[in-house]
PDB file of N, CA and C in Angstrom:
ATOM      1  N   MET A   1      18.460 135.440 145.902  1.00  0.00           N
ATOM      2  CA  MET A   1      18.743 135.549 147.327  1.00  0.00           C
ATOM      3  C   MET A   1      19.817 134.545 147.713  1.00  0.00           C
ATOM      4  N   ASN A   2      20.796 134.993 148.471  1.00  0.00           N
ATOM      5  CA  ASN A   2      21.864 134.139 148.954  1.00  0.00           C
ATOM      6  C   ASN A   2      21.314 133.225 150.036  1.00  0.00           C
ATOM      7  N   ASN A   3      21.808 132.006 150.114  1.00  0.00           N
ATOM      8  CA  ASN A   3      21.270 131.040 151.064  1.00  0.00           C
ATOM      9  C   ASN A   3      22.054 130.945 152.362  1.00  0.00           C
ATOM     10  N   GLN A   4      23.015 131.839 152.570  1.00  0.00           N
ATOM     11  CA  GLN A   4      23.721 131.921 153.838  1.00  0.00           C
ATOM     12  C   GLN A   4      23.033 133.000 154.654  1.00  0.00           C
ATOM     13  N   VAL A   5      22.629 132.641 155.881  1.00  0.00           N
ATOM     14  CA  VAL A   5      21.913 133.610 156.709  1.00  0.00           C
ATOM     15  C   VAL A   5      22.546 133.684 158.097  1.00  0.00           C
ATOM     16  N   GLY A   6      22.665 134.910 158.585  1.00  0.00           N
ATOM     17  CA  GLY A   6      23.117 135.156 159.942  1.00  0.00           C
ATOM     18  C   GLY A   6      21.953 135.741 160.717  1.00  0.00           C
ATOM     19  N   LEU A   7      21.907 135.424 161.983  1.00  0.00           N
ATOM     20  CA  LEU A   7      20.753 135.792 162.783  1.00  0.00           C
ATOM     21  C   LEU A   7      21.191 136.199 164.182  1.00  0.00           C
ATOM     22  N   TRP A   8      21.021 137.491 164.497  1.00  0.00           N
ATOM     23  CA  TRP A   8      21.206 137.958 165.877  1.00  0.00           C
ATOM     24  C   TRP A   8      19.819 137.919 166.492  1.00  0.00           C
ATOM     25  N   ILE A   9      19.681 137.231 167.645  1.00  0.00           N
ATOM     26  CA  ILE A   9      18.343 137.051 168.209  1.00  0.00           C
ATOM     27  C   ILE A   9      18.345 137.179 169.722  1.00  0.00           C
ATOM     28  N   ASP A  10      17.319 137.843 170.226  1.00  0.00           N
ATOM     29  CA  ASP A  10      16.986 137.792 171.653  1.00  0.00           C
ATOM     30  C   ASP A  10      15.473 137.643 171.732  1.00  0.00           C
ATOM     31  N   HIS A  11      14.914 137.713 172.921  1.00  0.00           N
ATOM     32  CA  HIS A  11      13.475 137.490 173.055  1.00  0.00           C
ATOM     33  C   HIS A  11      12.625 138.618 172.487  1.00  0.00           C
ATOM     34  N   ARG A  12      13.222 139.765 172.208  1.00  0.00           N
ATOM     35  CA  ARG A  12      12.446 140.903 171.724  1.00  0.00           C
ATOM     36  C   ARG A  12      12.540 141.142 170.235  1.00  0.00           C
ATOM     37  N   GLU A  13      13.665 140.767 169.636  1.00  0.00           N
ATOM     38  CA  GLU A  13      13.802 140.988 168.204  1.00  0.00           C
ATOM     39  C   GLU A  13      14.884 140.101 167.609  1.00  0.00           C
ATOM     40  N   ALA A  14      14.775 139.946 166.306  1.00  0.00           N
ATOM     41  CA  ALA A  14      15.774 139.193 165.558  1.00  0.00           C
ATOM     42  C   ALA A  14      16.198 140.046 164.370  1.00  0.00           C
ATOM     43  N   PHE A  15      17.497 140.114 164.158  1.00  0.00           N
ATOM     44  CA  PHE A  15      18.027 140.760 162.952  1.00  0.00           C
ATOM     45  C   PHE A  15      18.509 139.644 162.047  1.00  0.00           C
ATOM     46  N   VAL A  16      17.889 139.546 160.893  1.00  0.00           N
ATOM     47  CA  VAL A  16      18.195 138.499 159.932  1.00  0.00           C
ATOM     48  C   VAL A  16      18.954 139.126 158.769  1.00  0.00           C
ATOM     49  N   VAL A  17      20.088 138.525 158.431  1.00  0.00           N
ATOM     50  CA  VAL A  17      20.871 139.025 157.301  1.00  0.00           C
ATOM     51  C   VAL A  17      21.203 137.852 156.392  1.00  0.00           C
ATOM     52  N   PHE A  18      20.671 137.911 155.177  1.00  0.00           N
ATOM     53  CA  PHE A  18      21.118 136.987 154.150  1.00  0.00           C
ATOM     54  C   PHE A  18      22.403 137.581 153.607  1.00  0.00           C
ATOM     55  N   ALA A  19      23.438 136.758 153.455  1.00  0.00           N
ATOM     56  CA  ALA A  19      24.738 137.253 153.016  1.00  0.00           C
ATOM     57  C   ALA A  19      24.581 138.179 151.819  1.00  0.00           C
ATOM     58  N   ASN A  20      25.338 139.265 151.831  1.00  0.00           N
ATOM     59  CA  ASN A  20      25.345 140.283 150.776  1.00  0.00           C
ATOM     60  C   ASN A  20      24.063 141.103 150.713  1.00  0.00           C
ATOM     61  N   GLU A  21      23.260 141.080 151.759  1.00  0.00           N
ATOM     62  CA  GLU A  21      22.050 141.897 151.826  1.00  0.00           C
ATOM     63  C   GLU A  21      22.021 142.641 153.155  1.00  0.00           C
ATOM     64  N   GLU A  22      21.121 143.616 153.276  1.00  0.00           N
ATOM     65  CA  GLU A  22      20.996 144.377 154.514  1.00  0.00           C
ATOM     66  C   GLU A  22      20.151 143.605 155.529  1.00  0.00           C
ATOM     67  N   ALA A  23      20.300 143.989 156.786  1.00  0.00           N
ATOM     68  CA  ALA A  23      19.567 143.340 157.869  1.00  0.00           C
ATOM     69  C   ALA A  23      18.077 143.624 157.787  1.00  0.00           C
ATOM     70  N   GLU A  24      17.293 142.643 158.184  1.00  0.00           N
ATOM     71  CA  GLU A  24      15.851 142.800 158.324  1.00  0.00           C
ATOM     72  C   GLU A  24      15.525 142.559 159.789  1.00  0.00           C
ATOM     73  N   ASP A  25      14.719 143.436 160.348  1.00  0.00           N
ATOM     74  CA  ASP A  25      14.387 143.391 161.766  1.00  0.00           C
ATOM     75  C   ASP A  25      13.023 142.732 161.946  1.00  0.00           C
ATOM     76  N   ILE A  26      12.967 141.699 162.776  1.00  0.00           N
ATOM     77  CA  ILE A  26      11.706 141.031 163.096  1.00  0.00           C
ATOM     78  C   ILE A  26      11.474 141.204 164.587  1.00  0.00           C
ATOM     79  N   LYS A  27      10.409 141.873 164.953  1.00  0.00           N
ATOM     80  CA  LYS A  27      10.089 142.133 166.361  1.00  0.00           C
ATOM     81  C   LYS A  27       9.209 141.015 166.907  1.00  0.00           C
ATOM     82  N   SER A  28       9.434 140.664 168.164  1.00  0.00           N
ATOM     83  CA  SER A  28       8.609 139.639 168.801  1.00  0.00           C
ATOM     84  C   SER A  28       7.346 140.225 169.412  1.00  0.00           C
ATOM     85  N   GLY A  29       7.394 141.500 169.776  1.00  0.00           N
ATOM     86  CA  GLY A  29       6.265 142.101 170.478  1.00  0.00           C
ATOM     87  C   GLY A  29       6.311 141.829 171.964  1.00  0.00           C
ATOM     88  N   LEU A  30       7.358 141.167 172.414  1.00  0.00           N
ATOM     89  CA  LEU A  30       7.508 140.848 173.834  1.00  0.00           C
ATOM     90  C   LEU A  30       8.425 141.859 174.499  1.00  0.00           C
ATOM     91  N   GLU A  31       8.152 142.122 175.725  1.00  0.00           N
ATOM     92  CA  GLU A  31       9.081 142.863 176.548  1.00  0.00           C
ATOM     93  C   GLU A  31       9.876 141.837 177.339  1.00  0.00           C
ATOM     94  N   LYS A  32      10.820 142.306 178.120  1.00  0.00           N
ATOM     95  CA  LYS A  32      11.651 141.400 178.906  1.00  0.00           C
ATOM     96  C   LYS A  32      10.760 140.497 179.763  1.00  0.00           C
ATOM     97  N   HIS A  33      11.048 139.205 179.758  1.00  0.00           N
ATOM     98  CA  HIS A  33      10.271 138.240 180.535  1.00  0.00           C
ATOM     99  C   HIS A  33      10.697 138.302 181.994  1.00  0.00           C
ATOM    100  N   VAL A  34       9.741 138.584 182.829  1.00  0.00           N
ATOM    101  CA  VAL A  34      10.001 138.643 184.258  1.00  0.00           C
ATOM    102  C   VAL A  34       9.334 137.445 184.902  1.00  0.00           C
ATOM    103  N   ARG A  35      10.097 136.667 185.625  1.00  0.00           N
ATOM    104  CA  ARG A  35       9.529 135.523 186.335  1.00  0.00           C
ATOM    105  C   ARG A  35       9.112 136.000 187.725  1.00  0.00           C
ATOM    106  N   PHE A  36       7.867 135.740 188.031  1.00  0.00           N
ATOM    107  CA  PHE A  36       7.330 136.154 189.319  1.00  0.00           C
ATOM    108  C   PHE A  36       7.367 134.970 190.270  1.00  0.00           C
ATOM    109  N   SER A  37       7.434 135.253 191.563  1.00  0.00           N
ATOM    110  CA  SER A  37       7.379 134.174 192.537  1.00  0.00           C
ATOM    111  C   SER A  37       5.984 133.567 192.506  1.00  0.00           C
ATOM    112  N   MET A  38       5.893 132.336 192.894  1.00  0.00           N
ATOM    113  CA  MET A  38       4.623 131.622 192.839  1.00  0.00           C
ATOM    114  C   MET A  38       3.631 132.205 193.839  1.00  0.00           C
ATOM    115  N   SER A  39       2.403 132.397 193.385  1.00  0.00           N
ATOM    116  CA  SER A  39       1.333 132.774 194.300  1.00  0.00           C
ATOM    117  C   SER A  39       0.911 131.505 195.024  1.00  0.00           C
ATOM    118  N   GLU A  40      -0.006 131.635 195.951  1.00  0.00           N
ATOM    119  CA  GLU A  40      -0.404 130.451 196.718  1.00  0.00           C
ATOM    120  C   GLU A  40      -0.870 129.316 195.831  1.00  0.00           C
ATOM    121  N   ASP A  41      -1.678 129.629 194.834  1.00  0.00           N
ATOM    122  CA  ASP A  41      -2.160 128.566 193.954  1.00  0.00           C
ATOM    123  C   ASP A  41      -1.292 128.387 192.708  1.00  0.00           C
ATOM    124  N   GLY A  42      -0.432 129.363 192.422  1.00  0.00           N
ATOM    125  CA  GLY A  42       0.490 129.267 191.296  1.00  0.00           C
ATOM    126  C   GLY A  42      -0.152 129.465 189.941  1.00  0.00           C
ATOM    127  N   LYS A  43      -1.463 129.647 189.881  1.00  0.00           N
ATOM    128  CA  LYS A  43      -2.173 129.712 188.602  1.00  0.00           C
ATOM    129  C   LYS A  43      -1.843 130.958 187.791  1.00  0.00           C
ATOM    130  N   ALA A  44      -1.823 132.115 188.410  1.00  0.00           N
ATOM    131  CA  ALA A  44      -1.578 133.350 187.666  1.00  0.00           C
ATOM    132  C   ALA A  44      -0.188 133.342 187.036  1.00  0.00           C
ATOM    133  N   ASP A  45       0.796 132.924 187.800  1.00  0.00           N
ATOM    134  CA  ASP A  45       2.157 132.889 187.278  1.00  0.00           C
ATOM    135  C   ASP A  45       2.308 131.842 186.185  1.00  0.00           C
ATOM    136  N   ASP A  46       1.695 130.683 186.367  1.00  0.00           N
ATOM    137  CA  ASP A  46       1.750 129.642 185.348  1.00  0.00           C
ATOM    138  C   ASP A  46       1.107 130.122 184.056  1.00  0.00           C
ATOM    139  N   GLN A  47      -0.017 130.817 184.176  1.00  0.00           N
ATOM    140  CA  GLN A  47      -0.705 131.324 182.994  1.00  0.00           C
ATOM    141  C   GLN A  47       0.163 132.363 182.275  1.00  0.00           C
ATOM    142  N   ARG A  48       0.807 133.239 183.038  1.00  0.00           N
ATOM    143  CA  ARG A  48       1.687 134.255 182.456  1.00  0.00           C
ATOM    144  C   ARG A  48       2.855 133.594 181.733  1.00  0.00           C
ATOM    145  N   ASP A  49       3.440 132.570 182.348  1.00  0.00           N
ATOM    146  CA  ASP A  49       4.553 131.854 181.717  1.00  0.00           C
ATOM    147  C   ASP A  49       4.102 131.125 180.449  1.00  0.00           C
ATOM    148  N   ARG A  50       2.911 130.527 180.476  1.00  0.00           N
ATOM    149  CA  ARG A  50       2.389 129.838 179.283  1.00  0.00           C
ATOM    150  C   ARG A  50       2.127 130.842 178.159  1.00  0.00           C
ATOM    151  N   GLN A  51       1.577 131.999 178.503  1.00  0.00           N
ATOM    152  CA  GLN A  51       1.327 133.027 177.499  1.00  0.00           C
ATOM    153  C   GLN A  51       2.639 133.514 176.892  1.00  0.00           C
ATOM    154  N   PHE A  52       3.636 133.716 177.741  1.00  0.00           N
ATOM    155  CA  PHE A  52       4.946 134.142 177.257  1.00  0.00           C
ATOM    156  C   PHE A  52       5.518 133.100 176.301  1.00  0.00           C
ATOM    157  N   GLN A  53       5.459 131.821 176.691  1.00  0.00           N
ATOM    158  CA  GLN A  53       6.025 130.756 175.864  1.00  0.00           C
ATOM    159  C   GLN A  53       5.268 130.623 174.548  1.00  0.00           C
ATOM    160  N   THR A  54       3.964 130.754 174.577  1.00  0.00           N
ATOM    161  CA  THR A  54       3.167 130.692 173.350  1.00  0.00           C
ATOM    162  C   THR A  54       3.556 131.817 172.404  1.00  0.00           C
ATOM    163  N   HIS A  55       3.665 133.020 172.946  1.00  0.00           N
ATOM    164  CA  HIS A  55       4.044 134.171 172.127  1.00  0.00           C
ATOM    165  C   HIS A  55       5.458 133.996 171.566  1.00  0.00           C
ATOM    166  N   LEU A  56       6.356 133.479 172.401  1.00  0.00           N
ATOM    167  CA  LEU A  56       7.733 133.236 171.973  1.00  0.00           C
ATOM    168  C   LEU A  56       7.773 132.198 170.844  1.00  0.00           C
ATOM    169  N   ASN A  57       6.986 131.149 170.958  1.00  0.00           N
ATOM    170  CA  ASN A  57       6.932 130.125 169.916  1.00  0.00           C
ATOM    171  C   ASN A  57       6.429 130.711 168.596  1.00  0.00           C
ATOM    172  N   GLN A  58       5.438 131.592 168.657  1.00  0.00           N
ATOM    173  CA  GLN A  58       4.931 132.240 167.449  1.00  0.00           C
ATOM    174  C   GLN A  58       6.020 133.115 166.818  1.00  0.00           C
ATOM    175  N   TYR A  59       6.759 133.808 167.650  1.00  0.00           N
ATOM    176  CA  TYR A  59       7.879 134.638 167.190  1.00  0.00           C
ATOM    177  C   TYR A  59       8.936 133.775 166.498  1.00  0.00           C
ATOM    178  N   TYR A  60       9.332 132.669 167.144  1.00  0.00           N
ATOM    179  CA  TYR A  60      10.324 131.780 166.543  1.00  0.00           C
ATOM    180  C   TYR A  60       9.814 131.208 165.217  1.00  0.00           C
ATOM    181  N   ASP A  61       8.532 130.846 165.161  1.00  0.00           N
ATOM    182  CA  ASP A  61       7.958 130.341 163.914  1.00  0.00           C
ATOM    183  C   ASP A  61       8.036 131.384 162.799  1.00  0.00           C
ATOM    184  N   LYS A  62       7.788 132.632 163.162  1.00  0.00           N
ATOM    185  CA  LYS A  62       7.851 133.734 162.190  1.00  0.00           C
ATOM    186  C   LYS A  62       9.271 133.875 161.628  1.00  0.00           C
ATOM    187  N   VAL A  63      10.272 133.771 162.517  1.00  0.00           N
ATOM    188  CA  VAL A  63      11.669 133.873 162.088  1.00  0.00           C
ATOM    189  C   VAL A  63      12.038 132.671 161.215  1.00  0.00           C
ATOM    190  N   ILE A  64      11.618 131.479 161.621  1.00  0.00           N
ATOM    191  CA  ILE A  64      11.911 130.274 160.838  1.00  0.00           C
ATOM    192  C   ILE A  64      11.316 130.389 159.444  1.00  0.00           C
ATOM    193  N   LYS A  65      10.098 130.859 159.356  1.00  0.00           N
ATOM    194  CA  LYS A  65       9.455 131.037 158.050  1.00  0.00           C
ATOM    195  C   LYS A  65      10.261 132.014 157.179  1.00  0.00           C
ATOM    196  N   HIS A  66      10.788 133.049 157.817  1.00  0.00           N
ATOM    197  CA  HIS A  66      11.554 134.064 157.100  1.00  0.00           C
ATOM    198  C   HIS A  66      12.872 133.514 156.539  1.00  0.00           C
ATOM    199  N   ILE A  67      13.462 132.545 157.230  1.00  0.00           N
ATOM    200  CA  ILE A  67      14.759 132.004 156.801  1.00  0.00           C
ATOM    201  C   ILE A  67      14.638 130.620 156.177  1.00  0.00           C
ATOM    202  N   ALA A  68      13.443 130.239 155.770  1.00  0.00           N
ATOM    203  CA  ALA A  68      13.190 128.885 155.267  1.00  0.00           C
ATOM    204  C   ALA A  68      14.075 128.494 154.084  1.00  0.00           C
ATOM    205  N   SER A  69      14.532 129.458 153.298  1.00  0.00           N
ATOM    206  CA  SER A  69      15.350 129.139 152.125  1.00  0.00           C
ATOM    207  C   SER A  69      16.842 128.997 152.458  1.00  0.00           C
ATOM    208  N   ALA A  70      17.208 129.187 153.718  1.00  0.00           N
ATOM    209  CA  ALA A  70      18.616 129.143 154.113  1.00  0.00           C
ATOM    210  C   ALA A  70      19.219 127.754 153.926  1.00  0.00           C
ATOM    211  N   LYS A  71      20.488 127.752 153.521  1.00  0.00           N
ATOM    212  CA  LYS A  71      21.260 126.509 153.415  1.00  0.00           C
ATOM    213  C   LYS A  71      22.321 126.426 154.512  1.00  0.00           C
ATOM    214  N   SER A  72      22.645 127.571 155.113  1.00  0.00           N
ATOM    215  CA  SER A  72      23.542 127.607 156.266  1.00  0.00           C
ATOM    216  C   SER A  72      23.104 128.769 157.158  1.00  0.00           C
ATOM    217  N   ILE A  73      23.087 128.502 158.479  1.00  0.00           N
ATOM    218  CA  ILE A  73      22.568 129.475 159.436  1.00  0.00           C
ATOM    219  C   ILE A  73      23.579 129.691 160.560  1.00  0.00           C
ATOM    220  N   PHE A  74      23.943 130.941 160.768  1.00  0.00           N
ATOM    221  CA  PHE A  74      24.828 131.349 161.861  1.00  0.00           C
ATOM    222  C   PHE A  74      23.971 132.124 162.858  1.00  0.00           C
ATOM    223  N   ILE A  75      23.906 131.640 164.112  1.00  0.00           N
ATOM    224  CA  ILE A  75      23.045 132.224 165.143  1.00  0.00           C
ATOM    225  C   ILE A  75      23.917 132.840 166.222  1.00  0.00           C
ATOM    226  N   PHE A  76      23.578 134.059 166.625  1.00  0.00           N
ATOM    227  CA  PHE A  76      24.294 134.669 167.742  1.00  0.00           C
ATOM    228  C   PHE A  76      23.381 135.637 168.467  1.00  0.00           C
ATOM    229  N   GLY A  77      23.754 135.961 169.695  1.00  0.00           N
ATOM    230  CA  GLY A  77      22.949 136.868 170.506  1.00  0.00           C
ATOM    231  C   GLY A  77      23.391 136.836 171.949  1.00  0.00           C
ATOM    232  N   PRO A  78      22.781 137.671 172.783  1.00  0.00           N
ATOM    233  CA  PRO A  78      23.251 137.851 174.149  1.00  0.00           C
ATOM    234  C   PRO A  78      22.696 136.885 175.190  1.00  0.00           C
ATOM    235  N   GLY A  79      21.554 136.302 174.979  1.00  0.00           N
ATOM    236  CA  GLY A  79      20.913 135.541 176.054  1.00  0.00           C
ATOM    237  C   GLY A  79      20.514 134.139 175.649  1.00  0.00           C
ATOM    238  N   GLU A  80      19.430 133.670 176.251  1.00  0.00           N
ATOM    239  CA  GLU A  80      18.946 132.307 176.047  1.00  0.00           C
ATOM    240  C   GLU A  80      18.282 132.089 174.695  1.00  0.00           C
ATOM    241  N   ALA A  81      17.811 133.144 174.075  1.00  0.00           N
ATOM    242  CA  ALA A  81      17.022 133.005 172.850  1.00  0.00           C
ATOM    243  C   ALA A  81      17.776 132.258 171.753  1.00  0.00           C
ATOM    244  N   LYS A  82      19.072 132.483 171.632  1.00  0.00           N
ATOM    245  CA  LYS A  82      19.832 131.827 170.558  1.00  0.00           C
ATOM    246  C   LYS A  82      19.827 130.311 170.734  1.00  0.00           C
ATOM    247  N   VAL A  83      19.931 129.848 171.976  1.00  0.00           N
ATOM    248  CA  VAL A  83      19.930 128.409 172.249  1.00  0.00           C
ATOM    249  C   VAL A  83      18.519 127.843 172.073  1.00  0.00           C
ATOM    250  N   GLU A  84      17.517 128.581 172.534  1.00  0.00           N
ATOM    251  CA  GLU A  84      16.128 128.156 172.342  1.00  0.00           C
ATOM    252  C   GLU A  84      15.804 128.062 170.846  1.00  0.00           C
ATOM    253  N   PHE A  85      16.258 129.055 170.094  1.00  0.00           N
ATOM    254  CA  PHE A  85      15.995 129.066 168.659  1.00  0.00           C
ATOM    255  C   PHE A  85      16.722 127.917 167.968  1.00  0.00           C
ATOM    256  N   LYS A  86      17.945 127.642 168.378  1.00  0.00           N
ATOM    257  CA  LYS A  86      18.700 126.510 167.825  1.00  0.00           C
ATOM    258  C   LYS A  86      17.921 125.216 168.045  1.00  0.00           C
ATOM    259  N   LYS A  87      17.418 125.012 169.257  1.00  0.00           N
ATOM    260  CA  LYS A  87      16.633 123.807 169.553  1.00  0.00           C
ATOM    261  C   LYS A  87      15.368 123.764 168.708  1.00  0.00           C
ATOM    262  N   ARG A  88      14.777 124.924 168.502  1.00  0.00           N
ATOM    263  CA  ARG A  88      13.563 125.000 167.679  1.00  0.00           C
ATOM    264  C   ARG A  88      13.880 124.603 166.239  1.00  0.00           C
ATOM    265  N   LEU A  89      15.008 125.086 165.704  1.00  0.00           N
ATOM    266  CA  LEU A  89      15.425 124.702 164.350  1.00  0.00           C
ATOM    267  C   LEU A  89      15.673 123.194 164.266  1.00  0.00           C
ATOM    268  N   GLU A  90      16.322 122.653 165.278  1.00  0.00           N
ATOM    269  CA  GLU A  90      16.581 121.212 165.294  1.00  0.00           C
ATOM    270  C   GLU A  90      15.274 120.431 165.287  1.00  0.00           C
ATOM    271  N   GLY A  91      14.296 120.909 166.049  1.00  0.00           N
ATOM    272  CA  GLY A  91      12.988 120.267 166.079  1.00  0.00           C
ATOM    273  C   GLY A  91      12.254 120.348 164.754  1.00  0.00           C
ATOM    274  N   GLU A  92      12.580 121.338 163.957  1.00  0.00           N
ATOM    275  CA  GLU A  92      11.966 121.518 162.635  1.00  0.00           C
ATOM    276  C   GLU A  92      12.763 120.815 161.538  1.00  0.00           C
ATOM    277  N   GLY A  93      13.802 120.057 161.918  1.00  0.00           N
ATOM    278  CA  GLY A  93      14.613 119.348 160.943  1.00  0.00           C
ATOM    279  C   GLY A  93      15.634 120.225 160.238  1.00  0.00           C
ATOM    280  N   MET A  94      15.915 121.407 160.807  1.00  0.00           N
ATOM    281  CA  MET A  94      16.860 122.343 160.190  1.00  0.00           C
ATOM    282  C   MET A  94      18.178 122.424 160.960  1.00  0.00           C
ATOM    283  N   GLY A  95      18.367 121.543 161.926  1.00  0.00           N
ATOM    284  CA  GLY A  95      19.568 121.575 162.754  1.00  0.00           C
ATOM    285  C   GLY A  95      20.854 121.402 161.970  1.00  0.00           C
ATOM    286  N   GLY A  96      20.811 120.621 160.906  1.00  0.00           N
ATOM    287  CA  GLY A  96      21.992 120.395 160.084  1.00  0.00           C
ATOM    288  C   GLY A  96      22.452 121.625 159.316  1.00  0.00           C
ATOM    289  N   LEU A  97      21.610 122.641 159.269  1.00  0.00           N
ATOM    290  CA  LEU A  97      21.961 123.874 158.558  1.00  0.00           C
ATOM    291  C   LEU A  97      22.733 124.851 159.442  1.00  0.00           C
ATOM    292  N   ILE A  98      22.734 124.599 160.742  1.00  0.00           N
ATOM    293  CA  ILE A  98      23.374 125.514 161.688  1.00  0.00           C
ATOM    294  C   ILE A  98      24.884 125.357 161.609  1.00  0.00           C
ATOM    295  N   VAL A  99      25.568 126.465 161.304  1.00  0.00           N
ATOM    296  CA  VAL A  99      27.026 126.433 161.155  1.00  0.00           C
ATOM    297  C   VAL A  99      27.745 127.086 162.332  1.00  0.00           C
ATOM    298  N   GLY A 100      27.008 127.612 163.269  1.00  0.00           N
ATOM    299  CA  GLY A 100      27.624 128.208 164.439  1.00  0.00           C
ATOM    300  C   GLY A 100      26.599 128.871 165.338  1.00  0.00           C
ATOM    301  N   VAL A 101      26.912 128.853 166.633  1.00  0.00           N
ATOM    302  CA  VAL A 101      26.114 129.547 167.649  1.00  0.00           C
ATOM    303  C   VAL A 101      27.111 130.259 168.544  1.00  0.00           C
ATOM    304  N   GLU A 102      26.910 131.544 168.748  1.00  0.00           N
ATOM    305  CA  GLU A 102      27.895 132.346 169.475  1.00  0.00           C
ATOM    306  C   GLU A 102      27.205 133.335 170.413  1.00  0.00           C
ATOM    307  N   THR A 103      27.792 133.548 171.574  1.00  0.00           N
ATOM    308  CA  THR A 103      27.282 134.534 172.515  1.00  0.00           C
ATOM    309  C   THR A 103      27.970 135.872 172.268  1.00  0.00           C
ATOM    310  N   VAL A 104      27.150 136.905 172.073  1.00  0.00           N
ATOM    311  CA  VAL A 104      27.648 138.270 171.886  1.00  0.00           C
ATOM    312  C   VAL A 104      26.722 139.226 172.627  1.00  0.00           C
ATOM    313  N   ASP A 105      27.224 140.424 172.896  1.00  0.00           N
ATOM    314  CA  ASP A 105      26.409 141.448 173.540  1.00  0.00           C
ATOM    315  C   ASP A 105      25.471 142.093 172.535  1.00  0.00           C
ATOM    316  N   LYS A 106      24.710 143.041 173.014  1.00  0.00           N
ATOM    317  CA  LYS A 106      23.836 143.843 172.153  1.00  0.00           C
ATOM    318  C   LYS A 106      24.695 144.496 171.077  1.00  0.00           C
ATOM    319  N   MET A 107      24.182 144.507 169.852  1.00  0.00           N
ATOM    320  CA  MET A 107      24.925 145.058 168.729  1.00  0.00           C
ATOM    321  C   MET A 107      24.002 145.949 167.906  1.00  0.00           C
ATOM    322  N   THR A 108      24.594 146.892 167.207  1.00  0.00           N
ATOM    323  CA  THR A 108      23.832 147.724 166.283  1.00  0.00           C
ATOM    324  C   THR A 108      23.574 146.923 165.007  1.00  0.00           C
ATOM    325  N   PRO A 109      22.576 147.316 164.220  1.00  0.00           N
ATOM    326  CA  PRO A 109      22.353 146.606 162.954  1.00  0.00           C
ATOM    327  C   PRO A 109      23.605 146.588 162.063  1.00  0.00           C
ATOM    328  N   HIS A 110      24.356 147.685 162.039  1.00  0.00           N
ATOM    329  CA  HIS A 110      25.585 147.727 161.239  1.00  0.00           C
ATOM    330  C   HIS A 110      26.608 146.707 161.744  1.00  0.00           C
ATOM    331  N   GLN A 111      26.767 146.597 163.063  1.00  0.00           N
ATOM    332  CA  GLN A 111      27.696 145.624 163.637  1.00  0.00           C
ATOM    333  C   GLN A 111      27.248 144.195 163.335  1.00  0.00           C
ATOM    334  N   ILE A 112      25.937 143.965 163.382  1.00  0.00           N
ATOM    335  CA  ILE A 112      25.396 142.638 163.084  1.00  0.00           C
ATOM    336  C   ILE A 112      25.709 142.263 161.639  1.00  0.00           C
ATOM    337  N   GLU A 113      25.433 143.171 160.720  1.00  0.00           N
ATOM    338  CA  GLU A 113      25.721 142.912 159.309  1.00  0.00           C
ATOM    339  C   GLU A 113      27.202 142.621 159.094  1.00  0.00           C
ATOM    340  N   ALA A 114      28.060 143.429 159.699  1.00  0.00           N
ATOM    341  CA  ALA A 114      29.504 143.246 159.535  1.00  0.00           C
ATOM    342  C   ALA A 114      29.950 141.890 160.068  1.00  0.00           C
ATOM    343  N   LYS A 115      29.426 141.486 161.227  1.00  0.00           N
ATOM    344  CA  LYS A 115      29.801 140.204 161.823  1.00  0.00           C
ATOM    345  C   LYS A 115      29.368 139.040 160.934  1.00  0.00           C
ATOM    346  N   ILE A 116      28.175 139.121 160.392  1.00  0.00           N
ATOM    347  CA  ILE A 116      27.678 138.045 159.530  1.00  0.00           C
ATOM    348  C   ILE A 116      28.480 137.970 158.239  1.00  0.00           C
ATOM    349  N   HIS A 117      28.718 139.105 157.616  1.00  0.00           N
ATOM    350  CA  HIS A 117      29.504 139.101 156.380  1.00  0.00           C
ATOM    351  C   HIS A 117      30.907 138.564 156.635  1.00  0.00           C
ATOM    352  N   GLN A 118      31.504 138.955 157.758  1.00  0.00           N
ATOM    353  CA  GLN A 118      32.846 138.467 158.105  1.00  0.00           C
ATOM    354  C   GLN A 118      32.820 136.963 158.366  1.00  0.00           C
ATOM    355  N   HIS A 119      31.796 136.489 159.072  1.00  0.00           N
ATOM    356  CA  HIS A 119      31.682 135.058 159.379  1.00  0.00           C
ATOM    357  C   HIS A 119      31.656 134.224 158.096  1.00  0.00           C
ATOM    358  N   PHE A 120      30.811 134.602 157.159  1.00  0.00           N
ATOM    359  CA  PHE A 120      30.687 133.821 155.933  1.00  0.00           C
ATOM    360  C   PHE A 120      31.841 134.061 154.966  1.00  0.00           C
ATOM    361  N   LYS A 121      32.488 135.192 155.059  1.00  0.00           N
ATOM    362  CA  LYS A 121      33.652 135.471 154.218  1.00  0.00           C
ATOM    363  C   LYS A 121      34.813 134.555 154.602  1.00  0.00           C
ATOM    364  N   GLN A 122      34.941 134.265 155.918  1.00  0.00           N
ATOM    365  CA  GLN A 122      36.052 133.447 156.412  1.00  0.00           C
ATOM    366  C   GLN A 122      35.829 131.954 156.208  1.00  0.00           C
ATOM    367  N   ARG A 123      34.586 131.551 156.003  1.00  0.00           N
ATOM    368  CA  ARG A 123      34.284 130.128 155.922  1.00  0.00           C
ATOM    369  C   ARG A 123      33.679 129.798 154.566  1.00  0.00           C
ATOM    370  N   VAL A 124      33.946 128.610 154.125  1.00  0.00           N
ATOM    371  CA  VAL A 124      33.363 128.125 152.877  1.00  0.00           C
ATOM    372  C   VAL A 124      32.433 126.971 153.242  1.00  0.00           C
ATOM    373  N   TYR A 125      31.154 127.102 152.854  1.00  0.00           N
ATOM    374  CA  TYR A 125      30.160 126.058 153.163  1.00  0.00           C
ATOM    375  C   TYR A 125      29.643 125.436 151.898  1.00  0.00           C
TER     376      TYR A 125
END
């Protein structure tokens, strides 16, 4: 297995591509996170947000476990998840492996694979 990995990620799924291999899809099981206005006591909304964050953390842990053998990691995606995941990697002592973080729109698996292969083809790590 090649140790260069590219990762397109949002809150619902991650496409992981080890260089020279096909994409693997990891689903979070989450739908789009909707923030609700606070109720009078704020408890229901706080509980929903805590549940969302717990589920998101489990999802990020699953992705981290999947890429544990990586020596260089390129992260990209459309929203906040890429930055959250970067911080999560840094917290796990893997921040030094990150070779780039980029904002991109929704992409097909083929486009994701092409972008990752092109990224690592242009750079020597």
